[in-house]
Amino acid sequence: TSQLSFEIMARDVEVAMEDLGFSDSDEGEEALFLEGVSAAEVDAVVDSDPLMKNIPTHERVGLVYDSRMEEHESDNSNHPERPARLRAIFRALEKNGLAQKCVRIPARAVVESELLSVHEADYVQLMCNLNKYSEAELRSMAKKMNSIYLSPGSSSSAMLAAGSVLEATERVCRGDLRSSVCVVRPPGHHAEPACAMGFCLFANVAVAASEACRRGWAKKILIVDWDIHHGNGTQRMFLDSQSVLYFSLHRYDGGEFYPGGPDGSHTTVGEDAGVGYTVNVPWPGGGAGDAEYLDAFHSVLLPIARRFDPDLVLVSAGFDAAGAPAGFPWWRCSRRRPHRWLQGVAGGLRAADRPVVGTGWRADGHGAGRWIQPGGHGALPRRLRGAHSGLQAAQPKPAGWRTPLHAGQGRRPVQNGPGRDGGGW
């Protein structure tokens, strides 16, 4: 099962990389995207758009990227979760003029005390000190895990990934930035409290959410996970919490699709005081597309999110559902509109008289929504201008500007989340 799931994930990422413009017949294009990105180059590119200089920083979008996260690497150069993914994402943002519009957020390593908010102490000690083991010992250790590889640079990369998401979260919560995009690896939503799995070492988003609650940055946090795979690790860490609402759309296949088991079922709704604060929309197989995603967001997520009324939104933004053979048809609408809807939810905009959610701009023109988007398993699709409206929105818009919901053609019903039962939604 582990090998099959690995092959599925590998194929998903390969297709996403091809969608960025890579192909065996276009070596020049691939070389352009995958060549190394130096710190000096990042400094020169990010925040270099002169049109953005007159916009207050607190109304702009932050971007965190650091090539040191490439030190986590497999001895298999074709592994789907490889350093080239990080470079490809940055090159694509640069090529589309989006990195130039962002404010750079410096990456930083997480400290062990921050990891302990969601991970067990023995596990934290082990994963923060992988550089003390030989490569043979690391290979032996990884073989005992589920879809994981380890290298001497894995600890530093994973600590940078988790710390960078936390740094971006703090800056947004503090009001320094309107929103942030985190280009980080290794990913995190499969990592459990005491074990790594599914390419994930530390639960990056969960660490940020837990620390935001503990430090008083936010009282209520919405985590939206639209990666094609269920975020079992993130969900597990907040099953009994009323401060964090976890919402996931993913392929399920009756529990046979990775990571497998009942955790991603619609019947998993939380535990104890947290019953009703876990919402899963499990697709029964491939074939769901724009209409289903739009309907799930509009009919399930948004009503629940409005009632929960979060003051911070964290997005596990894996794009491996975007046209991958193990996933769904191409997302023409839902890659863009969920970002805007979530900004509106976080900003407190309401439109009870019609199915409209604001873009995160208050009537006074200031950014209202607070959201952080760490990268997920999938590489960014080609149409980045559509996929990352949060970056496009870095330019000011008229006061009261709103975006209507487009349900599109051919809407089909989806299985809704759990009804309100025993304190749940």
Protein backbone atom coordinates (compact mmCIF):
# COMPACT_ATOMS: atom_id res chain seq x y z
CA THR A 1 0.00 0.00 0.00
CA SER A 2 2.82 2.37 0.85
CA GLN A 3 4.53 1.75 -2.50
CA LEU A 4 1.27 2.24 -4.41
CA SER A 5 0.51 5.49 -2.60
CA PHE A 6 4.05 6.68 -3.30
CA GLU A 7 3.63 5.95 -7.01
CA ILE A 8 0.31 7.82 -7.10
CA MET A 9 1.80 10.87 -5.37
CA ALA A 10 4.85 10.73 -7.63
CA ARG A 11 2.67 10.68 -10.73
CA ASP A 12 0.57 13.59 -9.43
CA VAL A 13 3.63 15.78 -8.89
CA GLU A 14 5.17 14.81 -12.23
CA VAL A 15 2.03 15.94 -14.05
CA ALA A 16 1.97 19.19 -12.08
CA MET A 17 5.61 19.81 -13.01
CA GLU A 18 4.79 19.17 -16.67
CA ASP A 19 1.96 21.67 -16.40
CA LEU A 20 4.46 24.31 -15.34
CA GLY A 21 6.03 23.89 -18.76
CA PHE A 22 8.53 21.09 -18.19
CA SER A 23 8.88 18.32 -20.75
CA ASP A 24 11.57 15.99 -22.03
CA SER A 25 11.50 17.86 -25.33
CA ASP A 26 11.94 21.29 -23.74
CA GLU A 27 15.15 21.05 -21.77
CA GLY A 28 15.85 24.76 -22.05
CA GLU A 29 12.60 25.73 -20.37
CA GLU A 30 13.15 23.19 -17.60
CA ALA A 31 16.70 24.41 -17.03
CA LEU A 32 15.42 27.97 -16.74
CA PHE A 33 12.92 27.00 -14.06
CA LEU A 34 15.07 24.57 -12.14
CA GLU A 35 18.41 26.36 -11.97
CA GLY A 36 19.48 27.36 -8.49
CA VAL A 37 18.05 30.48 -6.88
CA SER A 38 20.61 32.36 -4.78
CA ALA A 39 19.75 34.49 -1.78
CA ALA A 40 21.02 37.54 -3.66
CA GLU A 41 18.68 36.78 -6.55
CA VAL A 42 15.71 36.43 -4.23
CA ASP A 43 16.60 39.78 -2.68
CA ALA A 44 16.78 41.35 -6.13
CA VAL A 45 13.49 39.90 -7.39
CA VAL A 46 11.11 40.07 -4.42
CA ASP A 47 9.57 43.50 -3.86
CA SER A 48 11.18 44.92 -6.99
CA ASP A 49 8.00 46.16 -8.70
CA PRO A 50 8.17 49.99 -8.59
CA LEU A 51 4.38 50.23 -8.80
CA MET A 52 4.11 48.70 -5.34
CA LYS A 53 6.32 51.18 -3.55
CA ASN A 54 3.51 53.61 -2.77
CA ILE A 55 1.25 50.94 -1.26
CA PRO A 56 1.50 50.62 2.54
CA THR A 57 3.16 47.39 3.59
CA HIS A 58 0.24 46.39 5.79
CA GLU A 59 -1.96 46.27 2.67
CA ARG A 60 0.41 43.98 0.77
CA VAL A 61 1.19 40.27 0.48
CA GLY A 62 4.24 38.69 2.06
CA LEU A 63 6.33 35.95 0.45
CA VAL A 64 8.69 33.59 2.25
CA TYR A 65 11.19 31.58 0.25
CA ASP A 66 14.64 30.28 1.14
CA SER A 67 16.78 27.94 -0.93
CA ARG A 68 18.22 26.40 2.23
CA MET A 69 15.08 24.27 2.35
CA GLU A 70 16.53 22.40 -0.64
CA GLU A 71 19.01 20.65 1.67
CA HIS A 72 16.35 18.02 2.36
CA GLU A 73 16.95 15.72 -0.59
CA SER A 74 16.65 12.10 -1.60
CA ASP A 75 19.38 10.03 -3.22
CA ASN A 76 16.74 9.44 -5.91
CA SER A 77 16.90 12.55 -8.10
CA ASN A 78 13.47 11.73 -9.57
CA HIS A 79 11.68 11.64 -6.23
CA PRO A 80 8.49 13.72 -6.55
CA GLU A 81 9.21 15.74 -3.39
CA ARG A 82 12.58 17.02 -4.54
CA PRO A 83 14.37 20.36 -4.22
CA ALA A 84 13.50 21.30 -7.79
CA ARG A 85 9.88 21.80 -6.72
CA LEU A 86 10.85 24.75 -4.55
CA ARG A 87 12.86 26.39 -7.32
CA ALA A 88 10.10 25.75 -9.85
CA ILE A 89 7.52 27.51 -7.71
CA PHE A 90 9.71 30.56 -7.20
CA ARG A 91 10.63 30.69 -10.91
CA ALA A 92 6.98 30.51 -11.85
CA LEU A 93 6.09 33.32 -9.45
CA GLU A 94 8.97 35.36 -10.85
CA LYS A 95 8.04 34.63 -14.46
CA ASN A 96 4.49 35.83 -13.89
CA GLY A 97 5.60 39.01 -12.11
CA LEU A 98 4.07 37.97 -8.78
CA ALA A 99 7.20 37.60 -6.64
CA GLN A 100 8.11 41.17 -7.62
CA LYS A 101 4.86 42.45 -6.07
CA CYS A 102 5.39 40.80 -2.68
CA VAL A 103 7.13 41.87 0.50
CA ARG A 104 9.88 39.44 1.42
CA ILE A 105 9.54 37.62 4.73
CA PRO A 106 12.85 36.25 6.03
CA ALA A 107 12.86 32.53 6.73
CA ARG A 108 13.71 31.40 10.22
CA ALA A 109 14.12 28.06 11.94
CA VAL A 110 11.48 26.90 14.37
CA VAL A 111 12.63 26.30 17.93
CA GLU A 112 11.94 23.05 19.71
CA SER A 113 9.56 24.61 22.22
CA GLU A 114 7.33 25.74 19.35
CA LEU A 115 7.26 22.24 17.86
CA LEU A 116 6.26 20.79 21.23
CA SER A 117 2.90 22.53 20.92
CA VAL A 118 1.80 19.77 18.51
CA HIS A 119 4.58 17.13 18.43
CA GLU A 120 5.81 14.75 21.13
CA ALA A 121 9.14 15.50 22.79
CA ASP A 122 11.01 12.33 21.71
CA TYR A 123 9.96 12.85 18.12
CA VAL A 124 11.05 16.50 18.16
CA GLN A 125 14.45 15.55 19.55
CA LEU A 126 14.94 12.94 16.85
CA MET A 127 13.82 15.03 13.89
CA CYS A 128 15.80 18.11 14.96
CA ASN A 129 19.05 16.15 15.12
CA LEU A 130 19.09 14.05 11.96
CA ASN A 131 22.44 15.54 10.98
CA LYS A 132 24.03 13.46 13.75
CA TYR A 133 23.24 10.22 11.92
CA SER A 134 25.06 8.62 9.00
CA GLU A 135 23.35 8.33 5.64
CA ALA A 136 23.05 4.57 6.14
CA GLU A 137 21.35 5.11 9.49
CA LEU A 138 18.99 7.65 7.97
CA ARG A 139 18.03 5.28 5.16
CA SER A 140 17.33 2.54 7.68
CA MET A 141 15.25 4.94 9.78
CA ALA A 142 13.24 6.14 6.78
CA LYS A 143 12.40 2.59 5.67
CA LYS A 144 10.44 2.16 8.89
CA MET A 145 8.32 5.20 8.07
CA ASN A 146 5.46 5.70 5.61
CA SER A 147 6.58 7.38 2.34
CA ILE A 148 9.52 9.25 3.88
CA TYR A 149 13.16 9.82 2.99
CA LEU A 150 15.75 11.44 5.25
CA SER A 151 19.06 13.15 4.61
CA PRO A 152 21.60 15.05 6.73
CA GLY A 153 19.91 18.29 5.67
CA SER A 154 16.37 17.18 6.53
CA SER A 155 16.36 18.67 10.03
CA SER A 156 17.46 22.14 8.98
CA SER A 157 15.03 22.21 6.04
CA ALA A 158 12.07 21.03 8.10
CA MET A 159 12.85 23.48 10.89
CA LEU A 160 13.05 26.32 8.35
CA ALA A 161 9.73 25.28 6.79
CA ALA A 162 7.88 25.23 10.10
CA GLY A 163 9.57 28.37 11.41
CA SER A 164 8.93 30.32 8.23
CA VAL A 165 5.19 29.60 8.28
CA LEU A 166 5.15 30.66 11.92
CA GLU A 167 7.05 33.87 11.10
CA ALA A 168 4.62 34.71 8.30
CA THR A 169 1.68 34.02 10.60
CA GLU A 170 3.02 36.34 13.28
CA ARG A 171 3.57 39.18 10.81
CA VAL A 172 0.07 38.90 9.40
CA CYS A 173 -1.53 38.66 12.85
CA ARG A 174 0.50 41.64 14.00
CA GLY A 175 -0.89 43.68 11.12
CA ASP A 176 2.44 44.11 9.32
CA LEU A 177 1.07 42.38 6.21
CA ARG A 178 -2.35 41.76 4.72
CA SER A 179 -1.67 38.12 3.85
CA SER A 180 1.23 35.81 3.07
CA VAL A 181 2.29 33.01 0.76
CA CYS A 182 4.84 30.51 2.09
CA VAL A 183 6.90 28.57 -0.46
CA VAL A 184 8.28 25.93 1.87
CA ARG A 185 9.31 22.30 1.96
CA PRO A 186 9.12 19.63 3.21
CA PRO A 187 5.33 19.83 3.43
CA GLY A 188 3.53 19.13 6.69
CA HIS A 189 -0.12 18.11 6.76
CA HIS A 190 0.52 14.34 6.98
CA ALA A 191 2.99 14.58 9.88
CA GLU A 192 1.52 13.08 13.05
CA PRO A 193 2.37 14.10 16.63
CA ALA A 194 4.96 11.31 16.91
CA CYS A 195 5.76 10.20 13.36
CA ALA A 196 6.60 11.47 9.89
CA MET A 197 4.68 10.27 6.85
CA GLY A 198 3.65 11.24 3.35
CA PHE A 199 6.77 13.36 2.64
CA CYS A 200 5.97 15.45 5.78
CA LEU A 201 8.28 15.86 8.79
CA PHE A 202 6.77 18.67 10.89
CA ALA A 203 3.15 19.83 10.80
CA ASN A 204 3.91 23.35 9.56
CA VAL A 205 0.36 24.73 9.57
CA ALA A 206 -0.56 23.03 12.83
CA VAL A 207 2.48 24.54 14.55
CA ALA A 208 1.46 28.00 13.34
CA ALA A 209 -2.15 27.54 14.43
CA SER A 210 -1.22 26.20 17.85
CA GLU A 211 1.30 28.95 18.53
CA ALA A 212 -1.09 31.64 17.28
CA CYS A 213 -3.64 30.45 19.86
CA ARG A 214 -1.09 30.07 22.65
CA ARG A 215 0.43 33.50 22.12
CA GLY A 216 -2.89 35.28 21.70
CA TRP A 217 -2.39 36.28 18.08
CA ALA A 218 -5.77 34.77 17.19
CA LYS A 219 -8.63 33.31 19.20
CA LYS A 220 -10.34 31.38 16.41
CA ILE A 221 -8.48 29.87 13.46
CA LEU A 222 -9.83 28.27 10.31
CA ILE A 223 -7.56 25.77 8.54
CA VAL A 224 -8.58 24.96 4.97
CA ASP A 225 -6.80 22.03 3.34
CA TRP A 226 -7.53 21.51 -0.35
CA ASP A 227 -4.68 19.14 -1.13
CA ILE A 228 -5.99 16.04 -2.90
CA HIS A 229 -4.80 13.96 0.08
CA HIS A 230 -6.45 14.25 3.47
CA GLY A 231 -4.38 16.14 6.06
CA ASN A 232 -4.52 13.44 8.70
CA GLY A 233 -1.78 14.97 10.84
CA THR A 234 -3.22 18.47 11.02
CA GLN A 235 -6.68 17.11 11.77
CA ARG A 236 -5.47 14.85 14.57
CA MET A 237 -3.78 17.73 16.39
CA PHE A 238 -7.02 19.68 16.81
CA LEU A 239 -9.67 16.98 17.14
CA ASP A 240 -10.73 18.16 20.61
CA SER A 241 -10.25 21.90 20.04
CA GLN A 242 -12.93 24.55 19.69
CA SER A 243 -10.37 27.21 18.79
CA VAL A 244 -9.35 25.61 15.49
CA LEU A 245 -11.84 24.58 12.81
CA TYR A 246 -10.29 22.14 10.34
CA PHE A 247 -11.90 21.82 6.90
CA SER A 248 -10.63 19.44 4.22
CA LEU A 249 -11.67 18.58 0.67
CA HIS A 250 -9.88 15.45 -0.55
CA ARG A 251 -10.16 12.25 -2.49
CA TYR A 252 -11.22 9.43 -0.18
CA ASP A 253 -12.30 6.33 -2.13
CA GLY A 254 -13.86 4.73 0.93
CA GLY A 255 -10.66 5.11 2.90
CA GLU A 256 -8.46 3.47 0.24
CA PHE A 257 -6.85 6.66 -1.07
CA TYR A 258 -3.72 7.93 0.67
CA PRO A 259 -3.31 8.34 3.63
CA GLY A 260 -6.09 5.81 4.03
CA GLY A 261 -8.32 4.82 6.91
CA PRO A 262 -11.42 6.44 8.38
CA ASP A 263 -9.89 9.78 9.43
CA GLY A 264 -10.93 11.50 6.20
CA SER A 265 -14.55 10.30 6.33
CA HIS A 266 -17.40 12.78 6.63
CA THR A 267 -18.29 10.98 9.86
CA THR A 268 -15.06 12.16 11.50
CA VAL A 269 -16.22 15.40 13.12
CA GLY A 270 -13.94 15.85 16.13
CA GLU A 271 -13.77 14.53 19.67
CA ASP A 272 -15.02 15.63 23.10
CA ALA A 273 -15.29 19.44 23.20
CA GLY A 274 -14.12 19.60 19.58
CA VAL A 275 -17.08 17.70 18.11
CA GLY A 276 -18.26 19.67 15.10
CA TYR A 277 -14.98 21.51 14.56
CA THR A 278 -13.65 18.98 12.04
CA VAL A 279 -15.36 19.01 8.65
CA ASN A 280 -14.40 16.63 5.85
CA VAL A 281 -15.71 16.64 2.28
CA PRO A 282 -14.45 13.25 1.00
CA TRP A 283 -14.75 12.74 -2.75
CA PRO A 284 -15.66 9.08 -3.45
CA GLY A 285 -13.27 8.89 -6.42
CA GLY A 286 -11.84 10.81 -9.35
CA GLY A 287 -13.98 13.00 -11.55
CA ALA A 288 -14.96 15.91 -9.28
CA GLY A 289 -14.26 19.25 -10.90
CA ASP A 290 -15.04 22.94 -10.78
CA ALA A 291 -18.75 22.62 -10.04
CA GLU A 292 -18.16 20.26 -7.15
CA TYR A 293 -15.46 22.39 -5.58
CA LEU A 294 -17.48 25.57 -5.98
CA ASP A 295 -20.52 23.89 -4.47
CA ALA A 296 -18.53 22.45 -1.57
CA PHE A 297 -17.06 25.84 -0.74
CA HIS A 298 -20.31 27.72 -1.13
CA SER A 299 -22.70 25.19 0.43
CA VAL A 300 -20.53 23.62 3.13
CA LEU A 301 -17.44 25.64 4.02
CA LEU A 302 -18.66 29.22 3.84
CA PRO A 303 -21.81 28.86 5.98
CA ILE A 304 -19.79 27.02 8.63
CA ALA A 305 -16.90 29.46 8.42
CA ARG A 306 -19.17 32.49 8.73
CA ARG A 307 -20.74 31.07 11.84
CA PHE A 308 -17.36 30.14 13.29
CA ASP A 309 -16.18 33.69 12.46
CA PRO A 310 -12.39 33.12 12.44
CA ASP A 311 -9.90 35.92 12.81
CA LEU A 312 -7.15 33.96 11.04
CA VAL A 313 -7.27 31.59 8.06
CA LEU A 314 -4.47 29.15 7.28
CA VAL A 315 -4.50 27.31 3.94
CA SER A 316 -2.72 24.05 3.21
CA ALA A 317 -2.54 24.80 -0.49
CA GLY A 318 -1.55 21.59 -2.22
CA PHE A 319 -2.28 21.84 -5.95
CA ASP A 320 -2.07 18.14 -6.75
CA ALA A 321 -5.81 18.01 -7.45
CA ALA A 322 -5.31 20.36 -10.41
CA GLY A 323 -5.58 18.03 -13.36
CA ALA A 324 -3.49 15.18 -11.97
CA PRO A 325 -4.47 11.71 -13.28
CA ALA A 326 -5.17 10.54 -9.73
CA GLY A 327 -7.06 13.74 -9.05
CA PHE A 328 -9.70 15.78 -10.76
CA PRO A 329 -10.19 17.75 -13.99
CA TRP A 330 -8.59 21.14 -14.34
CA TRP A 331 -9.74 23.73 -11.79
CA ARG A 332 -10.73 26.74 -13.88
CA CYS A 333 -12.65 28.60 -11.16
CA SER A 334 -11.98 27.06 -7.80
CA ARG A 335 -8.23 27.72 -7.76
CA ARG A 336 -8.93 31.44 -7.67
CA ARG A 337 -12.20 32.08 -5.88
CA PRO A 338 -11.53 30.14 -2.65
CA HIS A 339 -8.69 32.56 -1.87
CA ARG A 340 -11.05 35.52 -2.16
CA TRP A 341 -13.85 33.83 -0.25
CA LEU A 342 -11.52 32.95 2.60
CA GLN A 343 -10.20 36.49 2.77
CA GLY A 344 -13.77 37.69 3.13
CA VAL A 345 -14.51 35.18 5.88
CA ALA A 346 -11.41 36.21 7.85
CA GLY A 347 -12.19 39.88 7.40
CA GLY A 348 -15.71 39.61 8.75
CA LEU A 349 -17.50 40.71 5.57
CA ARG A 350 -21.09 39.52 5.36
CA ALA A 351 -23.65 39.43 2.54
CA ALA A 352 -26.73 37.71 3.87
CA ASP A 353 -28.97 38.88 1.06
CA ARG A 354 -27.07 37.20 -1.78
CA PRO A 355 -24.40 34.51 -2.25
CA VAL A 356 -21.52 36.98 -2.21
CA VAL A 357 -18.46 37.04 0.03
CA GLY A 358 -16.07 40.00 0.08
CA THR A 359 -12.52 39.79 -1.11
CA GLY A 360 -11.04 40.84 2.19
CA TRP A 361 -11.29 44.57 1.62
CA ARG A 362 -13.29 46.67 4.06
CA ALA A 363 -15.31 49.64 2.93
CA ASP A 364 -12.39 51.89 3.89
CA GLY A 365 -10.20 50.03 1.38
CA HIS A 366 -7.92 48.35 3.93
CA GLY A 367 -7.20 44.63 3.79
CA ALA A 368 -9.54 42.84 6.15
CA GLY A 369 -8.80 39.17 5.62
CA ARG A 370 -5.84 37.59 7.38
CA TRP A 371 -4.68 34.41 5.73
CA ILE A 372 -1.51 32.43 5.32
CA GLN A 373 -0.95 29.97 2.50
CA PRO A 374 1.86 27.47 2.87
CA GLY A 375 2.63 25.40 -0.20
CA GLY A 376 1.44 21.79 -0.37
CA HIS A 377 2.39 18.64 -2.24
CA GLY A 378 1.57 19.84 -5.74
CA ALA A 379 3.67 22.24 -7.77
CA LEU A 380 1.92 25.43 -8.76
CA PRO A 381 -0.15 25.14 -11.95
CA ARG A 382 0.68 27.17 -15.02
CA ARG A 383 -2.06 29.77 -14.65
CA LEU A 384 -0.54 31.40 -11.60
CA ARG A 385 -2.29 34.69 -12.22
CA GLY A 386 -5.57 32.89 -11.70
CA ALA A 387 -4.39 30.58 -8.98
CA HIS A 388 -3.01 33.23 -6.68
CA SER A 389 -5.52 36.05 -6.54
CA GLY A 390 -4.05 36.93 -3.18
CA LEU A 391 -0.93 38.08 -4.99
CA GLN A 392 -2.91 39.91 -7.63
CA ALA A 393 -4.86 41.64 -4.90
CA ALA A 394 -1.67 43.29 -3.68
CA GLN A 395 -2.67 46.22 -5.85
CA PRO A 396 -5.28 48.51 -4.20
CA LYS A 397 -8.94 48.25 -5.21
CA PRO A 398 -11.81 50.71 -4.87
CA ALA A 399 -13.52 50.96 -1.50
CA GLY A 400 -16.22 48.36 -1.02
CA TRP A 401 -15.00 46.27 -3.96
CA ARG A 402 -16.49 42.78 -3.99
CA THR A 403 -16.43 39.67 -6.14
CA PRO A 404 -19.67 37.77 -6.84
CA LEU A 405 -19.85 34.01 -6.68
CA HIS A 406 -19.88 32.22 -10.02
CA ALA A 407 -21.38 28.80 -9.54
CA GLY A 408 -20.69 27.87 -13.13
CA GLN A 409 -22.55 25.38 -15.28
CA GLY A 410 -23.45 21.84 -14.47
CA ARG A 411 -23.54 22.11 -10.68
CA ARG A 412 -23.92 18.74 -9.02
CA PRO A 413 -24.65 18.17 -5.34
CA VAL A 414 -21.93 17.12 -2.96
CA GLN A 415 -22.23 15.24 0.28
CA ASN A 416 -22.47 17.87 2.97
CA GLY A 417 -20.54 17.85 6.20
CA PRO A 418 -22.12 16.64 9.43
CA GLY A 419 -25.28 18.31 10.65
CA ARG A 420 -25.46 20.04 13.97
CA ASP A 421 -25.53 17.18 16.44
CA GLY A 422 -24.10 17.18 19.93
CA GLY A 423 -22.66 20.68 19.57
CA GLY A 424 -21.35 20.18 16.00
CA TRP A 425 -22.12 22.18 12.91
